[in-house]
């Protein structure tokens, strides 16, 4: 197993983990086990990785942590209630850590994508397919309804994975050297509020 020391230390951590299961039967039917699984994956994985990285980042004289969140952090959705709650916690924790470790030259930011063209959304068992089954419509109709939801995506399309990756690269770079404690939407204009 490779260690950070094998590569001269650690400069950047990107927390990019998550999964969403549409809760089509509503909040009261989400079990404790399902909540714990969501919290463990969506929040505790970030906590564990970040906790392990901070001493290594301090040893290097600073660094950056970029965590992938979601628009659901501030767009609560009863259809993904546990996912939304964990993403809100991720955003809150990142902001708190930016305050605690800013003086040690460690930056913390989050990226909040809306729907992205990945298997999570568009796969055979993805969110769009699950919505299609629940609504009794075909996949393309369900996908179109997602794009039209909440007033519609201004761009009329899902975000591409490379677009999210490019934003993460910018935030991890020295070009964003004084950006910390911030969240960046990449949602095709889905969120219409300030």
N, C-alpha and C. Protein backbone atom coordinates (compact mmCIF):
# COMPACT_ATOMS: atom_id res chain seq x y z
N UNK A 1 0.84 -1.18 0.00
CA UNK A 1 0.00 0.00 0.00
C UNK A 1 0.88 1.24 0.00
N UNK A 2 0.58 2.17 -0.88
CA UNK A 2 1.32 3.43 -0.96
C UNK A 2 0.86 4.36 0.15
N UNK A 3 1.77 5.18 0.60
CA UNK A 3 1.49 6.19 1.62
C UNK A 3 1.83 7.56 1.06
N UNK A 4 1.28 8.59 1.65
CA UNK A 4 1.53 9.96 1.19
C UNK A 4 3.02 10.26 1.17
N UNK A 5 3.76 9.76 2.17
CA UNK A 5 5.20 10.01 2.24
C UNK A 5 5.93 9.46 1.02
N UNK A 6 5.41 8.40 0.43
CA UNK A 6 6.02 7.82 -0.77
C UNK A 6 5.99 8.80 -1.94
N UNK A 7 5.10 9.79 -1.89
CA UNK A 7 4.93 10.76 -2.96
C UNK A 7 5.34 12.16 -2.52
N UNK A 8 6.01 12.27 -1.38
CA UNK A 8 6.47 13.56 -0.89
C UNK A 8 5.45 14.29 -0.03
N UNK A 9 4.35 13.66 0.29
CA UNK A 9 3.34 14.28 1.14
C UNK A 9 2.02 14.42 0.42
N UNK A 10 1.10 15.11 1.08
CA UNK A 10 -0.24 15.30 0.55
C UNK A 10 -0.52 16.79 0.42
N UNK A 11 -1.01 17.19 -0.73
CA UNK A 11 -1.34 18.60 -0.99
C UNK A 11 -2.84 18.83 -1.19
N UNK A 12 -3.53 17.83 -1.74
CA UNK A 12 -4.92 18.00 -2.14
C UNK A 12 -5.71 16.75 -1.75
N UNK A 13 -6.88 16.96 -1.20
CA UNK A 13 -7.83 15.88 -0.97
C UNK A 13 -9.12 16.26 -1.68
N UNK A 14 -9.64 15.35 -2.48
CA UNK A 14 -10.95 15.54 -3.09
C UNK A 14 -11.85 14.45 -2.53
N UNK A 15 -12.83 14.87 -1.75
CA UNK A 15 -13.83 13.94 -1.22
C UNK A 15 -14.94 13.84 -2.26
N UNK A 16 -15.02 12.70 -2.91
CA UNK A 16 -16.00 12.52 -3.97
C UNK A 16 -16.66 11.17 -3.78
N UNK A 17 -17.60 11.13 -2.87
CA UNK A 17 -18.31 9.88 -2.60
C UNK A 17 -19.77 10.20 -2.34
N UNK A 18 -20.59 9.30 -2.73
CA UNK A 18 -22.01 9.49 -2.46
C UNK A 18 -22.83 8.53 -3.29
N UNK A 19 -24.00 8.33 -2.84
CA UNK A 19 -24.99 7.52 -3.55
C UNK A 19 -26.35 8.00 -3.10
N UNK A 20 -27.29 7.88 -3.98
CA UNK A 20 -28.63 8.33 -3.64
C UNK A 20 -29.62 7.24 -4.03
N UNK A 21 -30.55 7.02 -3.14
CA UNK A 21 -31.65 6.10 -3.39
C UNK A 21 -32.94 6.88 -3.26
N UNK A 22 -33.68 7.02 -4.35
CA UNK A 22 -34.96 7.74 -4.23
C UNK A 22 -35.86 7.04 -3.22
N UNK A 23 -36.42 7.83 -2.33
CA UNK A 23 -37.30 7.33 -1.27
C UNK A 23 -38.74 7.55 -1.71
N UNK A 24 -39.18 6.74 -2.63
CA UNK A 24 -40.49 6.93 -3.25
C UNK A 24 -41.65 6.63 -2.32
N UNK A 25 -41.37 6.01 -1.18
CA UNK A 25 -42.44 5.69 -0.23
C UNK A 25 -42.53 6.71 0.91
N UNK A 26 -41.69 7.76 0.87
CA UNK A 26 -41.78 8.82 1.86
C UNK A 26 -40.91 8.64 3.09
N UNK A 27 -40.78 9.73 3.83
CA UNK A 27 -39.90 9.83 4.99
C UNK A 27 -40.16 8.74 6.04
N UNK A 28 -41.40 8.52 6.41
CA UNK A 28 -41.68 7.58 7.50
C UNK A 28 -41.28 6.16 7.16
N UNK A 29 -41.05 5.88 5.90
CA UNK A 29 -40.64 4.54 5.49
C UNK A 29 -39.13 4.39 5.31
N UNK A 30 -38.38 5.45 5.56
CA UNK A 30 -36.92 5.35 5.52
C UNK A 30 -36.48 4.80 6.87
N UNK A 31 -35.88 3.63 6.85
CA UNK A 31 -35.53 2.94 8.09
C UNK A 31 -34.27 3.52 8.73
N UNK A 32 -34.05 3.19 9.98
CA UNK A 32 -32.81 3.60 10.66
C UNK A 32 -31.60 3.07 9.91
N UNK A 33 -31.68 1.84 9.45
CA UNK A 33 -30.56 1.24 8.71
C UNK A 33 -30.26 2.03 7.44
N UNK A 34 -31.31 2.48 6.74
CA UNK A 34 -31.10 3.28 5.53
C UNK A 34 -30.50 4.65 5.87
N UNK A 35 -30.98 5.26 6.94
CA UNK A 35 -30.40 6.53 7.39
C UNK A 35 -28.93 6.36 7.74
N UNK A 36 -28.62 5.33 8.51
CA UNK A 36 -27.23 5.10 8.92
C UNK A 36 -26.33 4.82 7.73
N UNK A 37 -26.83 4.08 6.75
CA UNK A 37 -26.04 3.83 5.55
C UNK A 37 -25.76 5.13 4.80
N UNK A 38 -26.75 6.00 4.70
CA UNK A 38 -26.56 7.28 4.02
C UNK A 38 -25.58 8.17 4.78
N UNK A 39 -25.72 8.24 6.08
CA UNK A 39 -24.81 9.05 6.90
C UNK A 39 -23.39 8.49 6.83
N UNK A 40 -23.25 7.18 6.90
CA UNK A 40 -21.93 6.57 6.86
C UNK A 40 -21.23 6.85 5.54
N UNK A 41 -21.94 6.71 4.44
CA UNK A 41 -21.33 6.94 3.14
C UNK A 41 -21.21 8.43 2.83
N UNK A 42 -22.28 9.16 3.00
CA UNK A 42 -22.32 10.55 2.57
C UNK A 42 -21.61 11.54 3.47
N UNK A 43 -21.47 11.24 4.75
CA UNK A 43 -20.84 12.16 5.70
C UNK A 43 -19.61 11.55 6.36
N UNK A 44 -19.75 10.37 6.91
CA UNK A 44 -18.64 9.79 7.66
C UNK A 44 -17.43 9.48 6.78
N UNK A 45 -17.64 9.13 5.52
CA UNK A 45 -16.50 8.90 4.62
C UNK A 45 -15.70 10.19 4.46
N UNK A 46 -16.39 11.32 4.33
CA UNK A 46 -15.72 12.62 4.23
C UNK A 46 -14.99 12.94 5.53
N UNK A 47 -15.64 12.68 6.66
CA UNK A 47 -15.02 12.96 7.96
C UNK A 47 -13.74 12.14 8.11
N UNK A 48 -13.83 10.86 7.83
CA UNK A 48 -12.66 9.98 8.02
C UNK A 48 -11.50 10.37 7.11
N UNK A 49 -11.79 10.61 5.83
CA UNK A 49 -10.72 10.97 4.90
C UNK A 49 -10.10 12.31 5.26
N UNK A 50 -10.94 13.27 5.62
CA UNK A 50 -10.44 14.61 5.97
C UNK A 50 -9.64 14.58 7.26
N UNK A 51 -10.13 13.86 8.24
CA UNK A 51 -9.41 13.74 9.51
C UNK A 51 -8.03 13.13 9.29
N UNK A 52 -7.93 12.14 8.40
CA UNK A 52 -6.63 11.51 8.10
C UNK A 52 -5.73 12.46 7.31
N UNK A 53 -6.32 13.29 6.46
CA UNK A 53 -5.53 14.16 5.59
C UNK A 53 -4.97 15.39 6.30
N UNK A 54 -5.69 15.94 7.26
CA UNK A 54 -5.30 17.21 7.86
C UNK A 54 -3.87 17.19 8.42
N UNK A 55 -3.46 16.20 9.19
CA UNK A 55 -2.07 16.23 9.67
C UNK A 55 -1.05 16.23 8.53
N UNK A 56 -1.34 15.51 7.45
CA UNK A 56 -0.42 15.48 6.31
C UNK A 56 -0.39 16.81 5.59
N UNK A 57 -1.54 17.47 5.49
CA UNK A 57 -1.59 18.79 4.88
C UNK A 57 -0.82 19.81 5.73
N UNK A 58 -0.98 19.72 7.04
CA UNK A 58 -0.23 20.61 7.94
C UNK A 58 1.26 20.38 7.78
N UNK A 59 1.68 19.12 7.67
CA UNK A 59 3.11 18.81 7.48
C UNK A 59 3.66 19.44 6.21
N UNK A 60 2.83 19.60 5.19
CA UNK A 60 3.27 20.18 3.92
C UNK A 60 3.18 21.70 3.93
N UNK A 61 2.68 22.26 5.01
CA UNK A 61 2.55 23.72 5.09
C UNK A 61 1.23 24.24 4.55
N UNK A 62 0.29 23.34 4.34
CA UNK A 62 -1.04 23.72 3.87
C UNK A 62 -1.48 22.86 2.71
N UNK A 63 -2.64 23.17 2.21
CA UNK A 63 -3.19 22.42 1.09
C UNK A 63 -4.65 22.75 0.92
N UNK A 64 -5.34 21.90 0.22
CA UNK A 64 -6.75 22.17 -0.05
C UNK A 64 -7.57 20.89 -0.01
N UNK A 65 -8.79 21.04 0.46
CA UNK A 65 -9.76 19.95 0.49
C UNK A 65 -10.99 20.43 -0.28
N UNK A 66 -11.33 19.70 -1.31
CA UNK A 66 -12.54 19.99 -2.09
C UNK A 66 -13.48 18.81 -1.91
N UNK A 67 -14.68 19.09 -1.48
CA UNK A 67 -15.66 18.03 -1.24
C UNK A 67 -16.84 18.22 -2.19
N UNK A 68 -17.21 17.13 -2.83
CA UNK A 68 -18.37 17.17 -3.71
C UNK A 68 -19.62 17.05 -2.86
N UNK A 69 -20.43 18.07 -2.92
CA UNK A 69 -21.70 18.09 -2.22
C UNK A 69 -22.83 17.84 -3.20
N UNK A 70 -23.86 18.64 -3.10
CA UNK A 70 -25.01 18.52 -4.00
C UNK A 70 -25.90 19.73 -3.83
N UNK A 71 -26.65 20.05 -4.88
CA UNK A 71 -27.66 21.09 -4.75
C UNK A 71 -28.67 20.71 -3.67
N UNK A 72 -28.78 19.41 -3.39
CA UNK A 72 -29.74 18.98 -2.37
C UNK A 72 -29.33 19.40 -0.96
N UNK A 73 -28.14 19.93 -0.78
CA UNK A 73 -27.76 20.47 0.52
C UNK A 73 -28.65 21.63 0.91
N UNK A 74 -29.12 22.40 -0.08
CA UNK A 74 -29.98 23.54 0.19
C UNK A 74 -31.23 23.52 -0.66
N UNK A 75 -31.47 22.41 -1.32
CA UNK A 75 -32.71 22.17 -2.05
C UNK A 75 -33.28 20.86 -1.51
N UNK A 76 -33.78 20.92 -0.26
CA UNK A 76 -34.27 19.69 0.38
C UNK A 76 -35.34 19.03 -0.47
N UNK A 77 -35.21 17.74 -0.62
CA UNK A 77 -36.13 16.98 -1.46
C UNK A 77 -36.61 15.77 -0.68
N UNK A 78 -37.90 15.69 -0.39
CA UNK A 78 -38.40 14.53 0.35
C UNK A 78 -38.15 13.21 -0.37
N UNK A 79 -37.96 13.27 -1.69
CA UNK A 79 -37.69 12.05 -2.44
C UNK A 79 -36.30 11.50 -2.22
N UNK A 80 -35.41 12.33 -1.67
CA UNK A 80 -34.04 11.90 -1.33
C UNK A 80 -33.65 12.53 0.01
N UNK A 81 -34.54 12.39 0.98
CA UNK A 81 -34.43 13.10 2.25
C UNK A 81 -33.14 12.80 2.99
N UNK A 82 -32.72 11.55 3.03
CA UNK A 82 -31.50 11.19 3.76
C UNK A 82 -30.26 11.71 3.03
N UNK A 83 -30.27 11.62 1.72
CA UNK A 83 -29.17 12.16 0.91
C UNK A 83 -29.06 13.67 1.11
N UNK A 84 -30.18 14.38 1.04
CA UNK A 84 -30.19 15.83 1.22
C UNK A 84 -29.62 16.23 2.58
N UNK A 85 -30.01 15.52 3.62
CA UNK A 85 -29.54 15.84 4.97
C UNK A 85 -28.04 15.64 5.10
N UNK A 86 -27.51 14.55 4.53
CA UNK A 86 -26.07 14.32 4.64
C UNK A 86 -25.29 15.35 3.84
N UNK A 87 -25.80 15.75 2.69
CA UNK A 87 -25.09 16.75 1.89
C UNK A 87 -25.11 18.12 2.58
N UNK A 88 -26.17 18.44 3.29
CA UNK A 88 -26.20 19.68 4.08
C UNK A 88 -25.15 19.62 5.18
N UNK A 89 -24.99 18.47 5.80
CA UNK A 89 -23.97 18.31 6.85
C UNK A 89 -22.57 18.44 6.28
N UNK A 90 -22.34 17.90 5.09
CA UNK A 90 -21.03 18.01 4.44
C UNK A 90 -20.68 19.48 4.20
N UNK A 91 -21.65 20.23 3.68
CA UNK A 91 -21.43 21.64 3.41
C UNK A 91 -21.11 22.39 4.70
N UNK A 92 -21.87 22.14 5.75
CA UNK A 92 -21.67 22.78 7.04
C UNK A 92 -20.30 22.45 7.61
N UNK A 93 -19.93 21.18 7.56
CA UNK A 93 -18.63 20.76 8.10
C UNK A 93 -17.48 21.41 7.33
N UNK A 94 -17.57 21.46 6.03
CA UNK A 94 -16.51 22.07 5.23
C UNK A 94 -16.33 23.54 5.62
N UNK A 95 -17.43 24.24 5.81
CA UNK A 95 -17.35 25.65 6.21
C UNK A 95 -16.70 25.78 7.59
N UNK A 96 -17.08 24.92 8.53
CA UNK A 96 -16.49 24.96 9.87
C UNK A 96 -14.98 24.68 9.82
N UNK A 97 -14.59 23.70 9.01
CA UNK A 97 -13.17 23.37 8.91
C UNK A 97 -12.37 24.49 8.26
N UNK A 98 -13.00 25.24 7.35
CA UNK A 98 -12.30 26.38 6.73
C UNK A 98 -11.94 27.42 7.79
N UNK A 99 -12.79 27.55 8.78
CA UNK A 99 -12.53 28.50 9.86
C UNK A 99 -11.45 27.97 10.80
N UNK A 100 -11.54 26.68 11.13
CA UNK A 100 -10.58 26.11 12.08
C UNK A 100 -9.17 26.04 11.52
N UNK A 101 -9.02 25.72 10.23
CA UNK A 101 -7.70 25.45 9.69
C UNK A 101 -7.19 26.49 8.70
N UNK A 102 -7.92 27.59 8.55
CA UNK A 102 -7.48 28.64 7.64
C UNK A 102 -6.12 29.21 7.98
N UNK A 103 -5.85 29.41 9.26
CA UNK A 103 -4.56 29.96 9.68
C UNK A 103 -3.41 29.00 9.41
N UNK A 104 -3.72 27.73 9.18
CA UNK A 104 -2.69 26.75 8.86
C UNK A 104 -2.59 26.51 7.35
N UNK A 105 -3.18 27.45 6.60
CA UNK A 105 -3.08 27.46 5.14
C UNK A 105 -3.76 26.24 4.49
N UNK A 106 -4.83 25.77 5.11
CA UNK A 106 -5.62 24.70 4.50
C UNK A 106 -6.96 25.29 4.10
N UNK A 107 -7.28 25.13 2.83
CA UNK A 107 -8.53 25.65 2.28
C UNK A 107 -9.54 24.52 2.14
N UNK A 108 -10.79 24.81 2.44
CA UNK A 108 -11.90 23.86 2.33
C UNK A 108 -13.01 24.50 1.50
N UNK A 109 -13.39 23.83 0.44
CA UNK A 109 -14.50 24.30 -0.40
C UNK A 109 -15.35 23.11 -0.80
N UNK A 110 -16.59 23.40 -1.17
CA UNK A 110 -17.47 22.37 -1.68
C UNK A 110 -17.96 22.75 -3.07
N UNK A 111 -18.25 21.73 -3.84
CA UNK A 111 -18.84 21.87 -5.16
C UNK A 111 -20.19 21.18 -5.10
N UNK A 112 -21.23 21.89 -5.51
CA UNK A 112 -22.59 21.35 -5.43
C UNK A 112 -23.19 21.19 -6.82
N UNK A 113 -23.01 20.01 -7.39
CA UNK A 113 -23.63 19.77 -8.69
C UNK A 113 -25.12 19.52 -8.58
N UNK A 114 -25.81 19.87 -9.63
CA UNK A 114 -27.16 19.39 -9.84
C UNK A 114 -27.03 18.05 -10.54
N UNK A 115 -28.06 17.60 -11.21
CA UNK A 115 -27.96 16.32 -11.93
C UNK A 115 -26.82 16.33 -12.95
N UNK A 116 -26.03 15.26 -12.90
CA UNK A 116 -24.87 15.10 -13.77
C UNK A 116 -25.09 13.86 -14.64
N UNK A 117 -24.60 13.90 -15.86
CA UNK A 117 -24.74 12.79 -16.81
C UNK A 117 -23.85 11.62 -16.39
N UNK A 118 -24.27 10.92 -15.36
CA UNK A 118 -23.56 9.74 -14.87
C UNK A 118 -24.56 8.61 -14.68
N UNK A 119 -24.04 7.43 -14.39
CA UNK A 119 -24.92 6.28 -14.14
C UNK A 119 -25.82 6.51 -12.94
N UNK A 120 -25.37 7.30 -11.97
CA UNK A 120 -26.20 7.61 -10.81
C UNK A 120 -27.54 8.18 -11.25
N UNK A 121 -27.51 9.05 -12.25
CA UNK A 121 -28.73 9.66 -12.75
C UNK A 121 -29.32 8.92 -13.93
N UNK A 122 -28.47 8.52 -14.86
CA UNK A 122 -28.98 8.05 -16.15
C UNK A 122 -28.77 6.57 -16.41
N UNK A 123 -28.24 5.84 -15.43
CA UNK A 123 -28.03 4.40 -15.59
C UNK A 123 -29.33 3.61 -15.55
N UNK A 124 -29.22 2.33 -15.85
CA UNK A 124 -30.40 1.45 -15.87
C UNK A 124 -31.16 1.45 -14.55
N UNK A 125 -30.43 1.60 -13.44
CA UNK A 125 -31.05 1.64 -12.11
C UNK A 125 -30.89 3.01 -11.46
N UNK A 126 -30.62 4.02 -12.27
CA UNK A 126 -30.38 5.36 -11.76
C UNK A 126 -31.65 6.08 -11.33
N UNK A 127 -31.45 7.32 -10.91
CA UNK A 127 -32.56 8.13 -10.41
C UNK A 127 -33.64 8.31 -11.46
N UNK A 128 -33.26 8.63 -12.69
CA UNK A 128 -34.27 8.85 -13.74
C UNK A 128 -35.09 7.59 -13.99
N UNK A 129 -34.44 6.42 -14.01
CA UNK A 129 -35.16 5.16 -14.22
C UNK A 129 -36.11 4.87 -13.06
N UNK A 130 -35.66 5.16 -11.84
CA UNK A 130 -36.51 4.95 -10.66
C UNK A 130 -37.72 5.87 -10.71
N UNK A 131 -37.48 7.13 -11.08
CA UNK A 131 -38.58 8.09 -11.19
C UNK A 131 -39.55 7.64 -12.28
N UNK A 132 -39.02 7.16 -13.39
CA UNK A 132 -39.87 6.71 -14.51
C UNK A 132 -40.79 5.58 -14.05
N UNK A 133 -40.25 4.62 -13.31
CA UNK A 133 -41.07 3.50 -12.81
C UNK A 133 -42.15 4.00 -11.86
N UNK A 134 -41.77 4.88 -10.96
CA UNK A 134 -42.73 5.41 -9.98
C UNK A 134 -43.84 6.21 -10.65
N UNK A 135 -43.48 6.98 -11.68
CA UNK A 135 -44.45 7.83 -12.35
C UNK A 135 -45.22 7.09 -13.45
N UNK A 136 -44.74 5.90 -13.80
CA UNK A 136 -45.40 5.15 -14.85
C UNK A 136 -45.18 5.75 -16.24
N UNK A 137 -43.99 6.33 -16.44
CA UNK A 137 -43.65 6.92 -17.74
C UNK A 137 -42.36 6.28 -18.25
N UNK A 138 -42.00 6.57 -19.49
CA UNK A 138 -40.76 6.03 -20.03
C UNK A 138 -39.57 6.85 -19.53
N UNK A 139 -38.38 6.32 -19.74
CA UNK A 139 -37.14 6.93 -19.26
C UNK A 139 -36.97 8.35 -19.79
N UNK A 140 -37.16 8.54 -21.09
CA UNK A 140 -36.95 9.87 -21.69
C UNK A 140 -37.91 10.91 -21.12
N UNK A 141 -39.13 10.50 -20.84
CA UNK A 141 -40.10 11.42 -20.24
C UNK A 141 -39.67 11.80 -18.83
N UNK A 142 -39.21 10.80 -18.06
CA UNK A 142 -38.73 11.08 -16.71
C UNK A 142 -37.52 12.00 -16.74
N UNK A 143 -36.58 11.76 -17.64
CA UNK A 143 -35.40 12.61 -17.75
C UNK A 143 -35.81 14.04 -18.10
N UNK A 144 -36.74 14.19 -19.03
CA UNK A 144 -37.21 15.52 -19.42
C UNK A 144 -37.87 16.23 -18.23
N UNK A 145 -38.62 15.48 -17.43
CA UNK A 145 -39.26 16.08 -16.26
C UNK A 145 -38.24 16.55 -15.23
N UNK A 146 -37.13 15.82 -15.09
CA UNK A 146 -36.06 16.25 -14.19
C UNK A 146 -35.50 17.57 -14.69
N UNK A 147 -35.21 17.66 -15.99
CA UNK A 147 -34.65 18.89 -16.57
C UNK A 147 -35.63 20.06 -16.40
N UNK A 148 -36.93 19.79 -16.43
CA UNK A 148 -37.95 20.84 -16.30
C UNK A 148 -38.30 21.16 -14.84
N UNK A 149 -37.87 20.30 -13.89
CA UNK A 149 -38.26 20.49 -12.49
C UNK A 149 -37.70 21.78 -11.90
N UNK A 150 -38.32 22.24 -10.83
CA UNK A 150 -37.88 23.44 -10.11
C UNK A 150 -37.75 24.65 -11.02
N UNK A 151 -38.53 24.73 -12.07
CA UNK A 151 -38.45 25.85 -12.99
C UNK A 151 -37.53 25.59 -14.16
N UNK A 152 -36.90 24.43 -14.20
CA UNK A 152 -36.08 24.03 -15.33
C UNK A 152 -34.62 24.40 -15.23
N UNK A 153 -33.79 23.64 -15.90
CA UNK A 153 -32.37 23.97 -16.02
C UNK A 153 -32.27 25.09 -17.05
N UNK A 154 -31.62 26.17 -16.73
CA UNK A 154 -31.47 27.27 -17.68
C UNK A 154 -30.75 26.81 -18.94
N UNK A 155 -29.82 25.87 -18.79
CA UNK A 155 -29.06 25.37 -19.94
C UNK A 155 -29.82 24.29 -20.70
N UNK A 156 -30.88 23.74 -20.11
CA UNK A 156 -31.67 22.71 -20.75
C UNK A 156 -31.00 21.34 -20.80
N UNK A 157 -29.98 21.13 -19.96
CA UNK A 157 -29.27 19.85 -20.01
C UNK A 157 -28.63 19.52 -18.67
N UNK A 158 -28.28 18.26 -18.51
CA UNK A 158 -27.53 17.80 -17.35
C UNK A 158 -26.09 18.33 -17.45
N UNK A 159 -25.43 18.47 -16.32
CA UNK A 159 -24.02 18.83 -16.28
C UNK A 159 -23.20 17.62 -16.71
N UNK A 160 -22.10 17.85 -17.38
CA UNK A 160 -21.19 16.77 -17.77
C UNK A 160 -20.15 16.54 -16.68
N UNK A 161 -19.73 15.30 -16.45
CA UNK A 161 -18.74 15.02 -15.41
C UNK A 161 -17.46 15.85 -15.55
N UNK A 162 -16.99 16.06 -16.77
CA UNK A 162 -15.76 16.83 -16.98
C UNK A 162 -15.92 18.27 -16.52
N UNK A 163 -17.13 18.81 -16.59
CA UNK A 163 -17.36 20.18 -16.13
C UNK A 163 -17.20 20.28 -14.62
N UNK A 164 -17.66 19.26 -13.91
CA UNK A 164 -17.47 19.22 -12.45
C UNK A 164 -15.98 19.07 -12.14
N UNK A 165 -15.31 18.17 -12.86
CA UNK A 165 -13.88 17.94 -12.63
C UNK A 165 -13.07 19.21 -12.86
N UNK A 166 -13.41 19.98 -13.89
CA UNK A 166 -12.69 21.22 -14.15
C UNK A 166 -12.85 22.23 -13.03
N UNK A 167 -14.04 22.30 -12.46
CA UNK A 167 -14.27 23.21 -11.33
C UNK A 167 -13.45 22.75 -10.12
N UNK A 168 -13.41 21.46 -9.87
CA UNK A 168 -12.61 20.92 -8.77
C UNK A 168 -11.13 21.26 -8.99
N UNK A 169 -10.64 21.08 -10.21
CA UNK A 169 -9.24 21.41 -10.52
C UNK A 169 -8.93 22.87 -10.23
N UNK A 170 -9.83 23.75 -10.61
CA UNK A 170 -9.62 25.17 -10.34
C UNK A 170 -9.54 25.42 -8.84
N UNK A 171 -10.48 24.87 -8.08
CA UNK A 171 -10.50 25.10 -6.63
C UNK A 171 -9.29 24.48 -5.94
N UNK A 172 -8.76 23.40 -6.47
CA UNK A 172 -7.58 22.75 -5.87
C UNK A 172 -6.29 23.48 -6.23
N UNK A 173 -6.35 24.34 -7.23
CA UNK A 173 -5.14 25.00 -7.72
C UNK A 173 -4.85 26.28 -6.94
N UNK A 174 -3.63 26.79 -7.13
CA UNK A 174 -3.25 28.05 -6.50
C UNK A 174 -3.97 29.24 -7.12
N UNK A 175 -4.59 29.06 -8.27
CA UNK A 175 -5.36 30.15 -8.90
C UNK A 175 -6.56 30.53 -8.04
N UNK A 176 -6.98 29.63 -7.15
CA UNK A 176 -8.07 29.91 -6.22
C UNK A 176 -7.50 30.00 -4.80
N UNK A 177 -6.29 30.51 -4.69
CA UNK A 177 -5.53 30.49 -3.44
C UNK A 177 -6.15 31.18 -2.25
N UNK A 178 -7.07 32.09 -2.46
CA UNK A 178 -7.70 32.77 -1.33
C UNK A 178 -9.19 32.45 -1.25
N UNK A 179 -9.59 31.35 -1.86
CA UNK A 179 -10.98 30.90 -1.83
C UNK A 179 -11.08 29.78 -0.81
N UNK A 180 -11.84 30.02 0.23
CA UNK A 180 -12.05 28.98 1.24
C UNK A 180 -13.40 29.20 1.91
N UNK A 181 -13.98 28.11 2.37
CA UNK A 181 -15.27 28.19 3.04
C UNK A 181 -16.41 28.47 2.09
N UNK A 182 -16.20 28.22 0.81
CA UNK A 182 -17.21 28.55 -0.19
C UNK A 182 -17.81 27.30 -0.82
N UNK A 183 -18.98 27.47 -1.36
CA UNK A 183 -19.66 26.42 -2.09
C UNK A 183 -19.92 26.94 -3.50
N UNK A 184 -19.72 26.07 -4.48
CA UNK A 184 -19.88 26.45 -5.88
C UNK A 184 -20.92 25.57 -6.54
N UNK A 185 -22.00 26.21 -7.00
CA UNK A 185 -23.04 25.51 -7.74
C UNK A 185 -22.57 25.22 -9.15
N UNK A 186 -22.90 24.04 -9.64
CA UNK A 186 -22.73 23.72 -11.04
C UNK A 186 -23.96 22.90 -11.41
N UNK A 187 -25.02 23.62 -11.73
CA UNK A 187 -26.33 22.98 -11.83
C UNK A 187 -27.13 23.35 -13.08
N UNK A 188 -26.47 23.99 -14.05
CA UNK A 188 -27.18 24.38 -15.26
C UNK A 188 -28.28 25.40 -15.03
N UNK A 189 -28.20 26.13 -13.91
CA UNK A 189 -29.21 27.13 -13.59
C UNK A 189 -30.44 26.56 -12.93
N UNK A 190 -30.35 25.35 -12.38
CA UNK A 190 -31.49 24.72 -11.71
C UNK A 190 -31.97 25.56 -10.52
N UNK A 191 -31.05 26.01 -9.69
CA UNK A 191 -31.40 26.82 -8.52
C UNK A 191 -31.66 28.24 -8.98
N UNK A 192 -32.83 28.74 -8.72
CA UNK A 192 -33.23 30.06 -9.21
C UNK A 192 -33.10 31.16 -8.15
N UNK A 193 -32.86 30.77 -6.89
CA UNK A 193 -32.77 31.76 -5.82
C UNK A 193 -31.36 32.29 -5.69
N UNK A 194 -31.21 33.39 -4.97
CA UNK A 194 -29.88 33.97 -4.70
C UNK A 194 -29.15 33.13 -3.69
